[in-house]
């Protein structure tokens, strides 16, 4: 005899908030990535998002980008190279010092950002149809409280979110 458990009923009872947040966030990120690839952004990877979020606010050097991301200059340079190959970023000479090169988003980079935002809105709208506006806002408040408890609000607000630890 098959034993059937409705997973949605047991999640709230058996998983703590940080675990649900992690699993939901990972699954949502994977879903957005699949949708982006279907939109024609075949080479984009999750790790590229950490670089792109920094470039939305500023045009750092590779060294500055590495510091923002908490990675080596080699890792930052590799990520920028991948994004350059995809046409999402470019290295530009600094107007004040032509020896310094800064990294910035291209039109293609802004396009992939808009596609990702649209796909995340679609996911939120799908959740909203299940739990309503109040449910979405309660979930958002709980997750923002979690952000505060783990002390990353400043990094998020400053677009300096670091990739997860391995």
C-alpha atoms as a PDB file:
ATOM      1  CA  UNK A   1       0.000   0.000   0.000  1.00  0.00           C
ATOM      2  CA  UNK A   2       1.401   3.377  -1.036  1.00  0.00           C
ATOM      3  CA  UNK A   3       1.742   6.032   1.628  1.00  0.00           C
ATOM      4  CA  UNK A   4       1.003   9.496   0.287  1.00  0.00           C
ATOM      5  CA  UNK A   5       2.037  12.628   2.148  1.00  0.00           C
ATOM      6  CA  UNK A   6       1.053  16.054   0.968  1.00  0.00           C
ATOM      7  CA  UNK A   7       4.399  17.779   1.197  1.00  0.00           C
ATOM      8  CA  UNK A   8       2.860  21.258   1.436  1.00  0.00           C
ATOM      9  CA  UNK A   9       1.037  20.188   4.625  1.00  0.00           C
ATOM     10  CA  UNK A  10       4.154  18.872   6.316  1.00  0.00           C
ATOM     11  CA  UNK A  11       6.569  21.670   5.400  1.00  0.00           C
ATOM     12  CA  UNK A  12       5.062  24.180   7.784  1.00  0.00           C
ATOM     13  CA  UNK A  13       5.084  21.617  10.572  1.00  0.00           C
ATOM     14  CA  UNK A  14       8.568  20.155  10.155  1.00  0.00           C
ATOM     15  CA  UNK A  15      10.891  22.723   8.613  1.00  0.00           C
ATOM     16  CA  UNK A  16      12.267  25.781  10.364  1.00  0.00           C
ATOM     17  CA  UNK A  17      12.107  29.198   8.691  1.00  0.00           C
ATOM     18  CA  UNK A  18      15.805  29.374   7.696  1.00  0.00           C
ATOM     19  CA  UNK A  19      15.545  25.983   5.969  1.00  0.00           C
ATOM     20  CA  UNK A  20      12.341  26.888   4.145  1.00  0.00           C
ATOM     21  CA  UNK A  21      13.901  30.219   3.107  1.00  0.00           C
ATOM     22  CA  UNK A  22      17.023  28.470   1.794  1.00  0.00           C
ATOM     23  CA  UNK A  23      15.159  25.760  -0.092  1.00  0.00           C
ATOM     24  CA  UNK A  24      12.565  28.146  -1.503  1.00  0.00           C
ATOM     25  CA  UNK A  25      15.243  30.658  -2.490  1.00  0.00           C
ATOM     26  CA  UNK A  26      17.366  28.030  -4.216  1.00  0.00           C
ATOM     27  CA  UNK A  27      14.368  26.597  -6.073  1.00  0.00           C
ATOM     28  CA  UNK A  28      13.151  30.065  -7.077  1.00  0.00           C
ATOM     29  CA  UNK A  29      16.639  31.020  -8.309  1.00  0.00           C
ATOM     30  CA  UNK A  30      16.830  27.812 -10.355  1.00  0.00           C
ATOM     31  CA  UNK A  31      13.372  28.481 -11.810  1.00  0.00           C
ATOM     32  CA  UNK A  32      14.332  32.040 -12.781  1.00  0.00           C
ATOM     33  CA  UNK A  33      17.555  30.733 -14.333  1.00  0.00           C
ATOM     34  CA  UNK A  34      15.654  28.160 -16.418  1.00  0.00           C
ATOM     35  CA  UNK A  35      13.281  30.889 -17.586  1.00  0.00           C
ATOM     36  CA  UNK A  36      16.177  33.222 -18.435  1.00  0.00           C
ATOM     37  CA  UNK A  37      17.793  30.506 -20.503  1.00  0.00           C
ATOM     38  CA  UNK A  38      14.482  29.958 -22.298  1.00  0.00           C
ATOM     39  CA  UNK A  39      14.414  33.727 -22.945  1.00  0.00           C
ATOM     40  CA  UNK A  40      17.682  33.392 -24.867  1.00  0.00           C
ATOM     41  CA  UNK A  41      20.218  33.985 -22.095  1.00  0.00           C
ATOM     42  CA  UNK A  42      21.716  30.518 -22.474  1.00  0.00           C
ATOM     43  CA  UNK A  43      25.090  31.138 -20.833  1.00  0.00           C
ATOM     44  CA  UNK A  44      23.950  32.930 -17.714  1.00  0.00           C
ATOM     45  CA  UNK A  45      24.737  31.278 -14.375  1.00  0.00           C
ATOM     46  CA  UNK A  46      23.542  31.952 -10.839  1.00  0.00           C
ATOM     47  CA  UNK A  47      26.959  33.218  -9.801  1.00  0.00           C
ATOM     48  CA  UNK A  48      26.772  35.920 -12.474  1.00  0.00           C
ATOM     49  CA  UNK A  49      23.934  37.527 -10.538  1.00  0.00           C
ATOM     50  CA  UNK A  50      26.286  38.446  -7.695  1.00  0.00           C
ATOM     51  CA  UNK A  51      28.500  40.360 -10.119  1.00  0.00           C
ATOM     52  CA  UNK A  52      25.597  41.982 -11.936  1.00  0.00           C
ATOM     53  CA  UNK A  53      23.985  43.216  -8.720  1.00  0.00           C
ATOM     54  CA  UNK A  54      27.178  45.146  -7.900  1.00  0.00           C
ATOM     55  CA  UNK A  55      27.293  46.620 -11.407  1.00  0.00           C
ATOM     56  CA  UNK A  56      23.753  47.972 -11.118  1.00  0.00           C
ATOM     57  CA  UNK A  57      25.016  50.653  -8.730  1.00  0.00           C
ATOM     58  CA  UNK A  58      28.593  51.318  -9.754  1.00  0.00           C
ATOM     59  CA  UNK A  59      31.432  50.535 -12.156  1.00  0.00           C
ATOM     60  CA  UNK A  60      34.206  49.054 -10.026  1.00  0.00           C
ATOM     61  CA  UNK A  61      37.662  47.917 -10.967  1.00  0.00           C
ATOM     62  CA  UNK A  62      38.284  44.178 -10.801  1.00  0.00           C
ATOM     63  CA  UNK A  63      39.985  44.681  -7.424  1.00  0.00           C
ATOM     64  CA  UNK A  64      37.035  46.644  -6.041  1.00  0.00           C
ATOM     65  CA  UNK A  65      34.612  44.050  -7.380  1.00  0.00           C
ATOM     66  CA  UNK A  66      36.607  41.276  -5.725  1.00  0.00           C
ATOM     67  CA  UNK A  67      36.424  43.117  -2.384  1.00  0.00           C
ATOM     68  CA  UNK A  68      32.662  43.678  -2.761  1.00  0.00           C
ATOM     69  CA  UNK A  69      32.111  39.983  -3.470  1.00  0.00           C
ATOM     70  CA  UNK A  70      34.596  38.642  -0.940  1.00  0.00           C
ATOM     71  CA  UNK A  71      36.453  36.695  -3.630  1.00  0.00           C
ATOM     72  CA  UNK A  72      39.945  36.781  -5.112  1.00  0.00           C
ATOM     73  CA  UNK A  73      40.818  39.142  -7.957  1.00  0.00           C
ATOM     74  CA  UNK A  74      41.332  36.054 -10.105  1.00  0.00           C
ATOM     75  CA  UNK A  75      37.767  34.847  -9.377  1.00  0.00           C
ATOM     76  CA  UNK A  76      36.322  38.309 -10.063  1.00  0.00           C
ATOM     77  CA  UNK A  77      38.293  38.580 -13.313  1.00  0.00           C
ATOM     78  CA  UNK A  78      37.099  35.144 -14.420  1.00  0.00           C
ATOM     79  CA  UNK A  79      33.451  36.048 -13.751  1.00  0.00           C
ATOM     80  CA  UNK A  80      33.829  39.337 -15.610  1.00  0.00           C
ATOM     81  CA  UNK A  81      35.432  37.503 -18.535  1.00  0.00           C
ATOM     82  CA  UNK A  82      32.475  35.108 -18.710  1.00  0.00           C
ATOM     83  CA  UNK A  83      30.029  38.013 -18.619  1.00  0.00           C
ATOM     84  CA  UNK A  84      32.035  39.853 -21.284  1.00  0.00           C
ATOM     85  CA  UNK A  85      31.838  36.788 -23.531  1.00  0.00           C
ATOM     86  CA  UNK A  86      28.058  36.798 -23.069  1.00  0.00           C
ATOM     87  CA  UNK A  87      27.889  40.505 -23.938  1.00  0.00           C
ATOM     88  CA  UNK A  88      26.543  41.577 -20.526  1.00  0.00           C
ATOM     89  CA  UNK A  89      29.509  43.619 -19.282  1.00  0.00           C
ATOM     90  CA  UNK A  90      32.442  45.535 -20.662  1.00  0.00           C
ATOM     91  CA  UNK A  91      35.637  46.966 -19.264  1.00  0.00           C
ATOM     92  CA  UNK A  92      35.911  50.688 -19.848  1.00  0.00           C
ATOM     93  CA  UNK A  93      38.830  53.051 -19.295  1.00  0.00           C
ATOM     94  CA  UNK A  94      38.331  55.343 -16.306  1.00  0.00           C
ATOM     95  CA  UNK A  95      37.903  58.965 -17.461  1.00  0.00           C
ATOM     96  CA  UNK A  96      40.200  60.209 -14.664  1.00  0.00           C
ATOM     97  CA  UNK A  97      42.971  57.679 -15.214  1.00  0.00           C
ATOM     98  CA  UNK A  98      43.132  55.876 -18.564  1.00  0.00           C
ATOM     99  CA  UNK A  99      45.317  53.150 -17.014  1.00  0.00           C
ATOM    100  CA  UNK A 100      42.420  52.074 -14.782  1.00  0.00           C
ATOM    101  CA  UNK A 101      39.658  49.958 -16.288  1.00  0.00           C
ATOM    102  CA  UNK A 102      36.215  49.824 -14.766  1.00  0.00           C
ATOM    103  CA  UNK A 103      33.562  47.169 -15.336  1.00  0.00           C
ATOM    104  CA  UNK A 104      30.057  48.188 -16.368  1.00  0.00           C
ATOM    105  CA  UNK A 105      26.858  46.658 -17.678  1.00  0.00           C
ATOM    106  CA  UNK A 106      26.127  46.771 -21.387  1.00  0.00           C
ATOM    107  CA  UNK A 107      22.655  47.096 -22.919  1.00  0.00           C
ATOM    108  CA  UNK A 108      22.577  43.283 -22.947  1.00  0.00           C
ATOM    109  CA  UNK A 109      23.386  43.264 -19.242  1.00  0.00           C
ATOM    110  CA  UNK A 110      20.504  45.612 -18.504  1.00  0.00           C
ATOM    111  CA  UNK A 111      18.272  43.411 -20.638  1.00  0.00           C
ATOM    112  CA  UNK A 112      19.070  40.254 -18.668  1.00  0.00           C
ATOM    113  CA  UNK A 113      18.383  42.190 -15.446  1.00  0.00           C
ATOM    114  CA  UNK A 114      14.950  43.217 -16.743  1.00  0.00           C
ATOM    115  CA  UNK A 115      14.186  39.652 -17.833  1.00  0.00           C
ATOM    116  CA  UNK A 116      15.179  38.331 -14.390  1.00  0.00           C
ATOM    117  CA  UNK A 117      13.053  40.945 -12.631  1.00  0.00           C
ATOM    118  CA  UNK A 118      10.065  40.045 -14.789  1.00  0.00           C
ATOM    119  CA  UNK A 119      10.522  36.338 -14.083  1.00  0.00           C
ATOM    120  CA  UNK A 120      10.764  36.964 -10.313  1.00  0.00           C
ATOM    121  CA  UNK A 121       7.588  39.079 -10.457  1.00  0.00           C
ATOM    122  CA  UNK A 122       5.851  36.171 -12.180  1.00  0.00           C
ATOM    123  CA  UNK A 123       6.886  33.851  -9.357  1.00  0.00           C
ATOM    124  CA  UNK A 124       5.671  36.309  -6.739  1.00  0.00           C
ATOM    125  CA  UNK A 125       2.365  36.716  -8.586  1.00  0.00           C
ATOM    126  CA  UNK A 126       1.926  32.926  -8.637  1.00  0.00           C
ATOM    127  CA  UNK A 127       2.457  32.817  -4.865  1.00  0.00           C
ATOM    128  CA  UNK A 128       0.090  35.760  -4.413  1.00  0.00           C
ATOM    129  CA  UNK A 129      -2.696  33.815  -6.156  1.00  0.00           C
ATOM    130  CA  UNK A 130      -2.250  31.057  -3.550  1.00  0.00           C
ATOM    131  CA  UNK A 131      -1.897  33.094  -0.350  1.00  0.00           C
ATOM    132  CA  UNK A 132      -3.196  36.571  -1.221  1.00  0.00           C
ATOM    133  CA  UNK A 133      -1.629  39.975  -0.714  1.00  0.00           C
ATOM    134  CA  UNK A 134      -1.539  39.645   3.084  1.00  0.00           C
ATOM    135  CA  UNK A 135       0.182  36.263   2.894  1.00  0.00           C
ATOM    136  CA  UNK A 136       2.889  37.621   0.601  1.00  0.00           C
ATOM    137  CA  UNK A 137       3.456  40.655   2.821  1.00  0.00           C
ATOM    138  CA  UNK A 138       3.630  38.496   5.978  1.00  0.00           C
ATOM    139  CA  UNK A 139       6.166  36.229   4.292  1.00  0.00           C
ATOM    140  CA  UNK A 140       8.186  39.230   3.148  1.00  0.00           C
ATOM    141  CA  UNK A 141       8.206  40.661   6.700  1.00  0.00           C
ATOM    142  CA  UNK A 142       9.323  37.322   8.143  1.00  0.00           C
ATOM    143  CA  UNK A 143      12.131  37.004   5.615  1.00  0.00           C
ATOM    144  CA  UNK A 144      13.271  40.600   6.151  1.00  0.00           C
ATOM    145  CA  UNK A 145      13.354  39.854   9.881  1.00  0.00           C
ATOM    146  CA  UNK A 146      15.549  36.837   9.087  1.00  0.00           C
ATOM    147  CA  UNK A 147      17.809  39.121   7.016  1.00  0.00           C
ATOM    148  CA  UNK A 148      18.135  41.376  10.062  1.00  0.00           C
ATOM    149  CA  UNK A 149      18.820  38.488  12.447  1.00  0.00           C
ATOM    150  CA  UNK A 150      21.692  37.261  10.270  1.00  0.00           C
ATOM    151  CA  UNK A 151      22.894  40.862   9.837  1.00  0.00           C
ATOM    152  CA  UNK A 152      23.028  41.167   6.056  1.00  0.00           C
ATOM    153  CA  UNK A 153      20.661  44.103   5.537  1.00  0.00           C
ATOM    154  CA  UNK A 154      23.577  46.482   4.863  1.00  0.00           C
ATOM    155  CA  UNK A 155      25.125  44.166   2.282  1.00  0.00           C
ATOM    156  CA  UNK A 156      21.776  43.781   0.536  1.00  0.00           C
ATOM    157  CA  UNK A 157      21.027  47.510   0.602  1.00  0.00           C
ATOM    158  CA  UNK A 158      24.529  48.286  -0.690  1.00  0.00           C
ATOM    159  CA  UNK A 159      24.331  45.625  -3.424  1.00  0.00           C
ATOM    160  CA  UNK A 160      27.300  43.827  -1.921  1.00  0.00           C
ATOM    161  CA  UNK A 161      25.815  40.375  -1.395  1.00  0.00           C
ATOM    162  CA  UNK A 162      28.534  37.774  -1.353  1.00  0.00           C
ATOM    163  CA  UNK A 163      28.196  34.343  -2.949  1.00  0.00           C
ATOM    164  CA  UNK A 164      27.340  31.551  -0.508  1.00  0.00           C
ATOM    165  CA  UNK A 165      30.126  29.854   1.407  1.00  0.00           C
ATOM    166  CA  UNK A 166      31.086  26.448   0.043  1.00  0.00           C
END
